[in-house]
C-alpha atoms as a PDB file:
ATOM      1  CA  MET A   1     -19.376   5.537  11.112  1.00  0.00           C
ATOM      2  CA  LYS A   2     -20.500   6.655   7.822  1.00  0.00           C
ATOM      3  CA  PHE A   3     -18.575   4.070   6.004  1.00  0.00           C
ATOM      4  CA  GLY A   4     -21.120   2.041   3.852  1.00  0.00           C
ATOM      5  CA  ASN A   5     -24.402   3.756   5.690  1.00  0.00           C
ATOM      6  CA  VAL A   6     -27.713   4.024   4.270  1.00  0.00           C
ATOM      7  CA  ASP A   7     -30.839   5.345   5.698  1.00  0.00           C
ATOM      8  CA  ASN A   8     -32.907   3.095   8.192  1.00  0.00           C
ATOM      9  CA  ALA A   9     -35.810   3.187   5.459  1.00  0.00           C
ATOM     10  CA  GLU A  10     -33.792   1.571   2.754  1.00  0.00           C
ATOM     11  CA  LEU A  11     -32.875  -0.933   5.134  1.00  0.00           C
ATOM     12  CA  PRO A  12     -35.997  -3.121   3.629  1.00  0.00           C
ATOM     13  CA  LYS A  13     -34.856  -2.938   0.392  1.00  0.00           C
ATOM     14  CA  ILE A  14     -31.152  -4.738   0.752  1.00  0.00           C
ATOM     15  CA  ASP A  15     -30.413  -8.441   1.515  1.00  0.00           C
ATOM     16  CA  LEU A  16     -29.602  -8.550   4.643  1.00  0.00           C
ATOM     17  CA  THR A  17     -29.047 -12.330   4.282  1.00  0.00           C
ATOM     18  CA  LEU A  18     -25.289 -13.511   5.507  1.00  0.00           C
ATOM     19  CA  PRO A  19     -24.011 -15.260   2.660  1.00  0.00           C
ATOM     20  CA  GLU A  20     -22.869 -19.125   2.648  1.00  0.00           C
ATOM     21  CA  ASP A  21     -19.572 -19.655   3.653  1.00  0.00           C
ATOM     22  CA  HIS A  22     -16.546 -19.834   1.183  1.00  0.00           C
ATOM     23  CA  PRO A  23     -14.894 -22.915  -0.229  1.00  0.00           C
ATOM     24  CA  ASP A  24     -12.130 -21.814   1.258  1.00  0.00           C
ATOM     25  CA  THR A  25     -13.495 -21.940   4.938  1.00  0.00           C
ATOM     26  CA  ASN A  26     -14.871 -24.856   4.975  1.00  0.00           C
ATOM     27  CA  SER A  27     -11.493 -26.441   2.898  1.00  0.00           C
ATOM     28  CA  PHE A  28     -10.482 -24.935   6.799  1.00  0.00           C
ATOM     29  CA  LEU A  29     -12.401 -26.320   8.952  1.00  0.00           C
ATOM     30  CA  GLU A  30     -11.896 -29.925   7.409  1.00  0.00           C
ATOM     31  CA  LYS A  31      -7.873 -29.263   7.902  1.00  0.00           C
ATOM     32  CA  SER A  32      -9.014 -28.341  11.488  1.00  0.00           C
ATOM     33  CA  GLY A  33     -10.625 -31.486  12.407  1.00  0.00           C
ATOM     34  CA  ARG A  34     -13.992 -29.813  12.804  1.00  0.00           C
ATOM     35  CA  LYS A  35     -14.250 -30.178  15.921  1.00  0.00           C
ATOM     36  CA  ARG A  36     -14.353 -27.207  18.557  1.00  0.00           C
ATOM     37  CA  LYS A  37     -11.076 -25.963  20.490  1.00  0.00           C
ATOM     38  CA  ALA A  38     -11.114 -26.130  23.948  1.00  0.00           C
ATOM     39  CA  GLU A  39      -9.137 -22.679  24.541  1.00  0.00           C
ATOM     40  CA  ALA A  40     -11.474 -21.367  21.498  1.00  0.00           C
ATOM     41  CA  LYS A  41     -12.489 -17.638  22.527  1.00  0.00           C
ATOM     42  CA  VAL A  42     -15.136 -15.643  21.981  1.00  0.00           C
ATOM     43  CA  TYR A  43     -14.752 -11.399  21.793  1.00  0.00           C
ATOM     44  CA  VAL A  44     -17.752  -8.706  21.812  1.00  0.00           C
ATOM     45  CA  GLY A  45     -17.100  -5.459  22.713  1.00  0.00           C
ATOM     46  CA  CYS A  46     -17.476  -1.982  21.223  1.00  0.00           C
ATOM     47  CA  ALA A  47     -15.194   0.423  18.964  1.00  0.00           C
ATOM     48  CA  LYS A  48     -13.893   3.291  22.258  1.00  0.00           C
ATOM     49  CA  TRP A  49     -14.760   3.282  25.617  1.00  0.00           C
ATOM     50  CA  GLY A  50     -14.907   6.961  26.022  1.00  0.00           C
ATOM     51  CA  ARG A  51     -18.644   7.755  25.889  1.00  0.00           C
ATOM     52  CA  VAL A  52     -20.290   9.993  28.089  1.00  0.00           C
ATOM     53  CA  GLU A  53     -23.747   8.130  26.765  1.00  0.00           C
ATOM     54  CA  TRP A  54     -22.889   5.617  28.611  1.00  0.00           C
ATOM     55  CA  VAL A  55     -22.994   7.399  31.954  1.00  0.00           C
ATOM     56  CA  GLY A  56     -26.078   6.622  34.007  1.00  0.00           C
ATOM     57  CA  GLN A  57     -26.452   3.572  31.702  1.00  0.00           C
ATOM     58  CA  ILE A  58     -23.830   1.632  31.700  1.00  0.00           C
ATOM     59  CA  TYR A  59     -21.400   3.588  33.910  1.00  0.00           C
ATOM     60  CA  PRO A  60     -21.983   5.142  37.300  1.00  0.00           C
ATOM     61  CA  GLU A  61     -23.879   9.034  37.725  1.00  0.00           C
ATOM     62  CA  LYS A  62     -20.868  11.129  37.493  1.00  0.00           C
ATOM     63  CA  THR A  63     -18.096   8.940  36.375  1.00  0.00           C
ATOM     64  CA  LYS A  64     -15.342  10.914  35.246  1.00  0.00           C
ATOM     65  CA  GLU A  65     -14.169  10.794  31.449  1.00  0.00           C
ATOM     66  CA  LYS A  66     -10.537   9.158  33.269  1.00  0.00           C
ATOM     67  CA  GLU A  67     -12.541   6.907  34.683  1.00  0.00           C
ATOM     68  CA  PHE A  68     -14.124   5.334  31.543  1.00  0.00           C
ATOM     69  CA  LEU A  69     -11.973   2.714  30.804  1.00  0.00           C
ATOM     70  CA  ASP A  70     -11.675   1.449  34.611  1.00  0.00           C
ATOM     71  CA  HIS A  71     -15.652   0.906  34.034  1.00  0.00           C
ATOM     72  CA  TYR A  72     -15.646  -0.583  30.175  1.00  0.00           C
ATOM     73  CA  VAL A  73     -13.108  -3.620  31.138  1.00  0.00           C
ATOM     74  CA  GLN A  74     -15.945  -4.307  33.975  1.00  0.00           C
ATOM     75  CA  HIS A  75     -18.722  -4.919  31.288  1.00  0.00           C
ATOM     76  CA  PHE A  76     -17.033  -6.209  28.082  1.00  0.00           C
ATOM     77  CA  ASN A  77     -13.895  -8.927  27.618  1.00  0.00           C
ATOM     78  CA  SER A  78     -12.439  -6.909  24.308  1.00  0.00           C
ATOM     79  CA  ILE A  79     -12.512  -3.490  22.551  1.00  0.00           C
ATOM     80  CA  GLU A  80     -11.535  -2.264  18.593  1.00  0.00           C
ATOM     81  CA  LEU A  81      -9.606   0.348  19.796  1.00  0.00           C
ATOM     82  CA  ASN A  82      -9.501   3.190  17.684  1.00  0.00           C
ATOM     83  CA  ALA A  83      -7.414   5.713  19.799  1.00  0.00           C
ATOM     84  CA  THR A  84      -4.483   4.533  18.474  1.00  0.00           C
ATOM     85  CA  PHE A  85      -5.130   5.316  15.005  1.00  0.00           C
ATOM     86  CA  TYR A  86      -4.368   8.938  15.937  1.00  0.00           C
ATOM     87  CA  ARG A  87      -1.442   8.355  18.244  1.00  0.00           C
ATOM     88  CA  THR A  88       0.709   5.323  19.159  1.00  0.00           C
ATOM     89  CA  ARG A  89       2.427   5.955  22.605  1.00  0.00           C
ATOM     90  CA  LYS A  90       3.770   3.324  24.314  1.00  0.00           C
ATOM     91  CA  ASP A  91       2.906   4.924  27.639  1.00  0.00           C
ATOM     92  CA  HIS A  92      -0.790   5.072  26.930  1.00  0.00           C
ATOM     93  CA  VAL A  93      -0.544   1.777  25.797  1.00  0.00           C
ATOM     94  CA  ALA A  94       0.987   0.400  29.388  1.00  0.00           C
ATOM     95  CA  GLY A  95      -1.146   2.390  31.108  1.00  0.00           C
ATOM     96  CA  TRP A  96      -4.256   1.019  29.656  1.00  0.00           C
ATOM     97  CA  ALA A  97      -2.964  -2.435  29.854  1.00  0.00           C
ATOM     98  CA  GLU A  98      -2.436  -1.712  34.014  1.00  0.00           C
ATOM     99  CA  LYS A  99      -6.955  -1.076  34.097  1.00  0.00           C
ATOM    100  CA  ALA A 100      -7.466  -4.289  32.133  1.00  0.00           C
ATOM    101  CA  THR A 101      -9.612  -7.350  33.605  1.00  0.00           C
ATOM    102  CA  ASP A 102      -8.107 -11.315  33.296  1.00  0.00           C
ATOM    103  CA  GLY A 103      -9.076 -12.036  29.745  1.00  0.00           C
ATOM    104  CA  PHE A 104      -9.685  -8.446  28.377  1.00  0.00           C
ATOM    105  CA  LYS A 105      -7.934  -7.674  25.030  1.00  0.00           C
ATOM    106  CA  PHE A 106      -7.034  -4.913  23.512  1.00  0.00           C
ATOM    107  CA  CYS A 107      -7.118  -4.727  19.415  1.00  0.00           C
ATOM    108  CA  PRO A 108      -5.672  -1.486  18.523  1.00  0.00           C
ATOM    109  CA  LYS A 109      -5.938   0.114  14.955  1.00  0.00           C
ATOM    110  CA  PHE A 110      -2.953   0.447  13.258  1.00  0.00           C
ATOM    111  CA  THR A 111      -1.881   4.547  12.780  1.00  0.00           C
ATOM    112  CA  ARG A 112      -3.126   6.595  10.140  1.00  0.00           C
ATOM    113  CA  LEU A 113       0.304   7.171   9.215  1.00  0.00           C
ATOM    114  CA  ILE A 114       0.925   3.899   8.629  1.00  0.00           C
ATOM    115  CA  SER A 115      -2.626   3.206   6.493  1.00  0.00           C
ATOM    116  CA  HIS A 116      -3.632   6.826   5.367  1.00  0.00           C
ATOM    117  CA  PHE A 117      -0.706   8.883   5.148  1.00  0.00           C
ATOM    118  CA  LYS A 118       2.555   6.636   3.791  1.00  0.00           C
ATOM    119  CA  ARG A 119      -0.129   4.039   2.424  1.00  0.00           C
ATOM    120  CA  LEU A 120       1.701   0.793   4.060  1.00  0.00           C
ATOM    121  CA  LYS A 121       5.140   2.779   1.563  1.00  0.00           C
ATOM    122  CA  GLY A 122       8.414   3.509   4.031  1.00  0.00           C
ATOM    123  CA  ALA A 123       6.473   2.546   6.648  1.00  0.00           C
ATOM    124  CA  GLU A 124       9.717   0.704   8.121  1.00  0.00           C
ATOM    125  CA  GLU A 125      10.007   2.813  11.006  1.00  0.00           C
ATOM    126  CA  VAL A 126       6.826   3.785  12.162  1.00  0.00           C
ATOM    127  CA  THR A 127       5.693   0.141  12.014  1.00  0.00           C
ATOM    128  CA  ASP A 128       8.018  -1.362  14.152  1.00  0.00           C
ATOM    129  CA  TYR A 129       7.036   1.520  17.129  1.00  0.00           C
ATOM    130  CA  TYR A 130       4.024   0.427  16.282  1.00  0.00           C
ATOM    131  CA  ILE A 131       4.356  -2.574  16.683  1.00  0.00           C
ATOM    132  CA  GLU A 132       6.755  -2.093  20.212  1.00  0.00           C
ATOM    133  CA  ALA A 133       3.926   0.016  21.730  1.00  0.00           C
ATOM    134  CA  VAL A 134       1.307  -2.214  21.039  1.00  0.00           C
ATOM    135  CA  GLN A 135       3.633  -5.344  23.038  1.00  0.00           C
ATOM    136  CA  ASN A 136       2.870  -3.228  26.304  1.00  0.00           C
ATOM    137  CA  PHE A 137      -0.165  -4.881  25.527  1.00  0.00           C
ATOM    138  CA  GLY A 138       1.191  -8.182  27.252  1.00  0.00           C
ATOM    139  CA  SER A 139      -1.104 -11.144  27.650  1.00  0.00           C
ATOM    140  CA  HIS A 140      -3.903  -8.252  27.048  1.00  0.00           C
ATOM    141  CA  LEU A 141      -2.885  -8.013  23.089  1.00  0.00           C
ATOM    142  CA  GLY A 142      -5.540  -9.224  20.397  1.00  0.00           C
ATOM    143  CA  LEU A 143      -5.398  -8.867  16.379  1.00  0.00           C
ATOM    144  CA  CYS A 144      -4.278  -5.872  15.443  1.00  0.00           C
ATOM    145  CA  PHE A 145      -6.951  -3.437  13.308  1.00  0.00           C
ATOM    146  CA  LEU A 146      -5.219  -2.483   9.794  1.00  0.00           C
ATOM    147  CA  GLN A 147      -7.898  -0.557   8.275  1.00  0.00           C
ATOM    148  CA  MET A 148      -7.186   0.354   4.295  1.00  0.00           C
ATOM    149  CA  PRO A 149      -8.868   4.034   2.967  1.00  0.00           C
ATOM    150  CA  GLU A 150     -11.648   2.768   0.514  1.00  0.00           C
ATOM    151  CA  ASN A 151      -9.207   4.458  -1.976  1.00  0.00           C
ATOM    152  CA  PHE A 152      -6.423   1.898  -1.481  1.00  0.00           C
ATOM    153  CA  GLY A 153      -7.538  -0.959  -4.179  1.00  0.00           C
ATOM    154  CA  PRO A 154      -5.815  -3.372  -6.317  1.00  0.00           C
ATOM    155  CA  LYS A 155      -3.605  -1.578  -8.291  1.00  0.00           C
ATOM    156  CA  ARG A 156      -1.327  -1.267  -4.701  1.00  0.00           C
ATOM    157  CA  PHE A 157      -1.864  -4.967  -4.523  1.00  0.00           C
ATOM    158  CA  ASP A 158       2.530  -5.337  -4.531  1.00  0.00           C
ATOM    159  CA  GLU A 159       2.202  -2.766  -1.464  1.00  0.00           C
ATOM    160  CA  LEU A 160      -0.032  -5.103   0.177  1.00  0.00           C
ATOM    161  CA  SER A 161       1.797  -7.608  -0.160  1.00  0.00           C
ATOM    162  CA  ALA A 162       5.381  -6.709   0.580  1.00  0.00           C
ATOM    163  CA  TYR A 163       4.080  -5.202   4.084  1.00  0.00           C
ATOM    164  CA  MET A 164       2.066  -7.819   5.188  1.00  0.00           C
ATOM    165  CA  GLU A 165       5.779  -9.545   4.346  1.00  0.00           C
ATOM    166  CA  TYR A 166       7.278  -7.359   6.407  1.00  0.00           C
ATOM    167  CA  LEU A 167       5.272  -7.902   9.569  1.00  0.00           C
ATOM    168  CA  PRO A 168       6.185 -10.727  12.113  1.00  0.00           C
ATOM    169  CA  ASN A 169       4.780 -13.371  11.154  1.00  0.00           C
ATOM    170  CA  ASP A 170       3.485 -14.424  14.297  1.00  0.00           C
ATOM    171  CA  PHE A 171       2.475 -10.649  14.477  1.00  0.00           C
ATOM    172  CA  PRO A 172      -1.240 -11.079  15.199  1.00  0.00           C
ATOM    173  CA  VAL A 173      -3.011  -9.245  12.466  1.00  0.00           C
ATOM    174  CA  ALA A 174      -6.463  -8.388  10.352  1.00  0.00           C
ATOM    175  CA  VAL A 175      -6.642  -6.310   7.770  1.00  0.00           C
ATOM    176  CA  GLU A 176      -9.929  -4.324   6.511  1.00  0.00           C
ATOM    177  CA  LEU A 177      -9.664  -3.701   2.869  1.00  0.00           C
ATOM    178  CA  ARG A 178     -12.515  -1.548   1.521  1.00  0.00           C
ATOM    179  CA  HIS A 179     -12.187  -0.883  -2.085  1.00  0.00           C
ATOM    180  CA  LYS A 180     -15.114  -3.058  -4.255  1.00  0.00           C
ATOM    181  CA  ASP A 181     -12.031  -4.331  -6.255  1.00  0.00           C
ATOM    182  CA  TRP A 182     -10.888  -6.623  -4.145  1.00  0.00           C
ATOM    183  CA  PHE A 183     -14.226  -8.793  -3.861  1.00  0.00           C
ATOM    184  CA  SER A 184     -15.829  -8.205  -7.205  1.00  0.00           C
ATOM    185  CA  ASP A 185     -13.364  -9.618  -8.961  1.00  0.00           C
ATOM    186  CA  PRO A 186     -12.363 -13.245  -8.105  1.00  0.00           C
ATOM    187  CA  VAL A 187      -8.891 -13.611  -9.816  1.00  0.00           C
ATOM    188  CA  VAL A 188      -7.747  -9.988  -7.403  1.00  0.00           C
ATOM    189  CA  SER A 189      -9.407 -11.915  -4.656  1.00  0.00           C
ATOM    190  CA  ASP A 190      -8.201 -15.474  -4.730  1.00  0.00           C
ATOM    191  CA  GLU A 191      -4.931 -14.307  -5.103  1.00  0.00           C
ATOM    192  CA  THR A 192      -5.589 -11.221  -2.548  1.00  0.00           C
ATOM    193  CA  PHE A 193      -6.861 -14.281   0.073  1.00  0.00           C
ATOM    194  CA  SER A 194      -4.201 -16.317  -0.632  1.00  0.00           C
ATOM    195  CA  MET A 195      -1.720 -13.901   0.231  1.00  0.00           C
ATOM    196  CA  ILE A 196      -3.088 -12.699   3.814  1.00  0.00           C
ATOM    197  CA  ARG A 197      -2.969 -16.185   4.340  1.00  0.00           C
ATOM    198  CA  GLU A 198       0.447 -17.558   3.300  1.00  0.00           C
ATOM    199  CA  ASN A 199       1.364 -14.258   5.912  1.00  0.00           C
ATOM    200  CA  ASN A 200      -0.893 -15.721   8.962  1.00  0.00           C
ATOM    201  CA  LYS A 201      -3.434 -12.672   9.119  1.00  0.00           C
ATOM    202  CA  SER A 202      -6.554 -12.247   8.507  1.00  0.00           C
ATOM    203  CA  ILE A 203      -9.012 -10.017   6.612  1.00  0.00           C
ATOM    204  CA  VAL A 204     -12.230  -8.145   8.207  1.00  0.00           C
ATOM    205  CA  ILE A 205     -15.086  -8.642   7.443  1.00  0.00           C
ATOM    206  CA  THR A 206     -17.447  -5.632   7.764  1.00  0.00           C
ATOM    207  CA  ASP A 207     -21.194  -6.431   7.744  1.00  0.00           C
ATOM    208  CA  THR A 208     -22.876  -2.677   7.053  1.00  0.00           C
ATOM    209  CA  ALA A 209     -26.282  -3.072   5.127  1.00  0.00           C
ATOM    210  CA  GLY A 210     -24.151  -0.371   2.000  1.00  0.00           C
ATOM    211  CA  ARG A 211     -21.544  -2.780   1.318  1.00  0.00           C
ATOM    212  CA  ARG A 212     -22.303  -5.999   1.693  1.00  0.00           C
ATOM    213  CA  ASP A 213     -19.484  -7.483  -0.974  1.00  0.00           C
ATOM    214  CA  MET A 214     -17.101  -6.783   2.487  1.00  0.00           C
ATOM    215  CA  ILE A 215     -19.253  -9.563   4.143  1.00  0.00           C
ATOM    216  CA  HIS A 216     -16.813 -12.325   2.576  1.00  0.00           C
ATOM    217  CA  GLN A 217     -16.971 -15.367   4.531  1.00  0.00           C
ATOM    218  CA  ARG A 218     -13.460 -16.401   4.049  1.00  0.00           C
ATOM    219  CA  LEU A 219     -10.889 -17.363   6.710  1.00  0.00           C
ATOM    220  CA  THR A 220      -7.427 -17.349   6.364  1.00  0.00           C
ATOM    221  CA  ASN A 221      -5.859 -18.297   9.944  1.00  0.00           C
ATOM    222  CA  GLU A 222      -7.545 -19.695  13.021  1.00  0.00           C
ATOM    223  CA  SER A 223      -8.634 -15.887  14.201  1.00  0.00           C
ATOM    224  CA  ILE A 224     -11.934 -13.895  12.651  1.00  0.00           C
ATOM    225  CA  PHE A 225     -12.571  -9.918  13.124  1.00  0.00           C
ATOM    226  CA  ILE A 226     -15.961  -8.985  12.602  1.00  0.00           C
ATOM    227  CA  ARG A 227     -17.186  -5.403  12.401  1.00  0.00           C
ATOM    228  CA  PHE A 228     -20.869  -4.876  13.270  1.00  0.00           C
ATOM    229  CA  ILE A 229     -22.455  -1.794  11.767  1.00  0.00           C
ATOM    230  CA  GLY A 230     -26.170  -1.729  13.688  1.00  0.00           C
ATOM    231  CA  TYR A 231     -28.953   1.350  12.597  1.00  0.00           C
ATOM    232  CA  ASP A 232     -29.601   2.317  15.743  1.00  0.00           C
ATOM    233  CA  LEU A 233     -31.804  -1.125  17.261  1.00  0.00           C
ATOM    234  CA  ASP A 234     -33.553  -1.248  14.068  1.00  0.00           C
ATOM    235  CA  PRO A 235     -35.248  -4.321  13.410  1.00  0.00           C
ATOM    236  CA  THR A 236     -32.987  -5.384  11.153  1.00  0.00           C
ATOM    237  CA  ASP A 237     -29.884  -4.836  13.829  1.00  0.00           C
ATOM    238  CA  TYR A 238     -31.800  -8.125  15.888  1.00  0.00           C
ATOM    239  CA  SER A 239     -32.375 -10.235  13.155  1.00  0.00           C
ATOM    240  CA  ARG A 240     -28.700  -9.406  11.424  1.00  0.00           C
ATOM    241  CA  MET A 241     -26.960 -10.329  14.942  1.00  0.00           C
ATOM    242  CA  ASP A 242     -29.391 -13.637  15.092  1.00  0.00           C
ATOM    243  CA  GLN A 243     -27.915 -15.058  11.929  1.00  0.00           C
ATOM    244  CA  TRP A 244     -24.075 -14.527  13.062  1.00  0.00           C
ATOM    245  CA  ILE A 245     -25.178 -15.735  16.433  1.00  0.00           C
ATOM    246  CA  ASP A 246     -25.335 -19.463  14.577  1.00  0.00           C
ATOM    247  CA  ARG A 247     -22.293 -18.898  12.060  1.00  0.00           C
ATOM    248  CA  ILE A 248     -20.134 -17.813  14.436  1.00  0.00           C
ATOM    249  CA  ILE A 249     -20.579 -21.062  16.891  1.00  0.00           C
ATOM    250  CA  SER A 250     -20.964 -22.795  13.694  1.00  0.00           C
ATOM    251  CA  TRP A 251     -17.154 -21.840  13.135  1.00  0.00           C
ATOM    252  CA  ILE A 252     -16.100 -22.127  16.299  1.00  0.00           C
ATOM    253  CA  ASP A 253     -17.953 -25.468  16.811  1.00  0.00           C
ATOM    254  CA  GLY A 254     -15.939 -26.353  13.302  1.00  0.00           C
ATOM    255  CA  GLY A 255     -12.250 -25.410  15.009  1.00  0.00           C
ATOM    256  CA  LEU A 256     -11.899 -21.361  14.609  1.00  0.00           C
ATOM    257  CA  LYS A 257      -9.830 -20.372  17.871  1.00  0.00           C
ATOM    258  CA  GLU A 258     -10.431 -17.246  18.428  1.00  0.00           C
ATOM    259  CA  VAL A 259     -14.018 -14.716  16.897  1.00  0.00           C
ATOM    260  CA  TYR A 260     -13.390 -10.596  17.669  1.00  0.00           C
ATOM    261  CA  PHE A 261     -16.839  -9.038  17.119  1.00  0.00           C
ATOM    262  CA  PHE A 262     -17.305  -5.492  17.288  1.00  0.00           C
ATOM    263  CA  VAL A 263     -20.887  -3.093  17.232  1.00  0.00           C
ATOM    264  CA  HIS A 264     -20.878   0.007  16.007  1.00  0.00           C
ATOM    265  CA  GLN A 265     -23.862   2.436  16.236  1.00  0.00           C
ATOM    266  CA  GLY A 266     -25.045   5.763  15.010  1.00  0.00           C
ATOM    267  CA  ASP A 267     -25.911   6.738  18.262  1.00  0.00           C
ATOM    268  CA  GLU A 268     -23.410   4.837  20.985  1.00  0.00           C
ATOM    269  CA  THR A 269     -26.673   5.091  23.186  1.00  0.00           C
ATOM    270  CA  HIS A 270     -27.434   1.642  21.399  1.00  0.00           C
ATOM    271  CA  SER A 271     -24.159  -0.129  21.408  1.00  0.00           C
ATOM    272  CA  PRO A 272     -24.609  -1.396  24.624  1.00  0.00           C
ATOM    273  CA  PRO A 273     -27.792  -3.127  24.115  1.00  0.00           C
ATOM    274  CA  ILE A 274     -27.255  -4.418  21.153  1.00  0.00           C
ATOM    275  CA  ALA A 275     -23.920  -5.986  22.613  1.00  0.00           C
ATOM    276  CA  ASP A 276     -25.620  -7.721  25.433  1.00  0.00           C
ATOM    277  CA  TYR A 277     -28.238  -9.169  23.177  1.00  0.00           C
ATOM    278  CA  MET A 278     -25.143 -10.583  21.196  1.00  0.00           C
ATOM    279  CA  ILE A 279     -24.203 -11.728  24.443  1.00  0.00           C
ATOM    280  CA  LYS A 280     -26.896 -13.523  26.275  1.00  0.00           C
ATOM    281  CA  ALA A 281     -27.455 -14.872  23.093  1.00  0.00           C
ATOM    282  CA  LEU A 282     -24.065 -16.628  22.270  1.00  0.00           C
ATOM    283  CA  ASN A 283     -23.350 -17.607  25.749  1.00  0.00           C
ATOM    284  CA  LYS A 284     -27.062 -19.212  26.028  1.00  0.00           C
ATOM    285  CA  LYS A 285     -26.600 -21.391  22.344  1.00  0.00           C
ATOM    286  CA  GLY A 286     -23.122 -21.747  22.382  1.00  0.00           C
ATOM    287  CA  GLY A 287     -22.586 -22.867  25.841  1.00  0.00           C
ATOM    288  CA  LEU A 288     -20.190 -19.855  25.842  1.00  0.00           C
ATOM    289  CA  ASN A 289     -19.441 -17.764  29.049  1.00  0.00           C
ATOM    290  CA  ILE A 290     -18.394 -14.553  27.584  1.00  0.00           C
ATOM    291  CA  LYS A 291     -18.473 -10.969  29.669  1.00  0.00           C
ATOM    292  CA  GLY A 292     -20.989  -8.448  29.227  1.00  0.00           C
ATOM    293  CA  PRO A 293     -22.714  -5.128  30.051  1.00  0.00           C
ATOM    294  CA  LYS A 294     -24.557  -4.687  33.718  1.00  0.00           C
ATOM    295  CA  PHE A 295     -26.997  -1.970  33.111  1.00  0.00           C
ATOM    296  CA  ILE A 296     -27.775   0.647  35.793  1.00  0.00           C
ATOM    297  CA  ASN A 297     -31.440   0.530  35.488  1.00  0.00           C
ATOM    298  CA  ARG A 298     -32.465  -2.784  34.743  1.00  0.00           C
END
């Protein structure tokens, strides 16, 4: 993943400390009663299941590509599903859902026809199809992931607002806004986050060294979607993870209902180990029971 990336040599020069929670988050948690909900869930996974690098690591030797999902769901409780960005088909969704284990969640990315080609304008028909298609995940549908291109800025606020209003209020969506002006202007940020909150949607938090502005720490509803961009098990991956572990536990202790946390690495060989680190620490420190990967040679 190149967006927001930097060379590993630059990491010591960057402040990788997680910002304090935005006042809106504190207000949200105050309203929730600052008490962990019994149904609070934390999901940790990767972006794709089709990784040949994992054969011999967590997938058995000689595993065929068509069997990758069968094995992935045995190791993780969720996936940030990028396959739907390129094509969303109802029959594919139904087939994937059949392979899911109990409690597993798919977070399908909105098709690029909606986000990058139409840029939300005149996208009603393809959106209706996307929503119908992902409903075939049934109880395995998690937060759907709408990723807007980096050149989609606040001048397009009206299109974004109209699209959020078009989506069903109870349809679970997290929006990733990448243009810097969404975060640099407090007036724009307040208006945007308020609009997202009013439509019962979430804004993605993307933790990458080159775009610290996207770590807004601002909750808008009972679910949050976090994308963690690592640096191939650089020591800073672990120190950043440690901060997220404490923050996530504080949020669910404060009443947040759902957390989706997805790891990315330049070399995806390293995604299962860093996810494993995260899961074990959350389980131990947070009293959780998140499914984690089982390594063949450990």
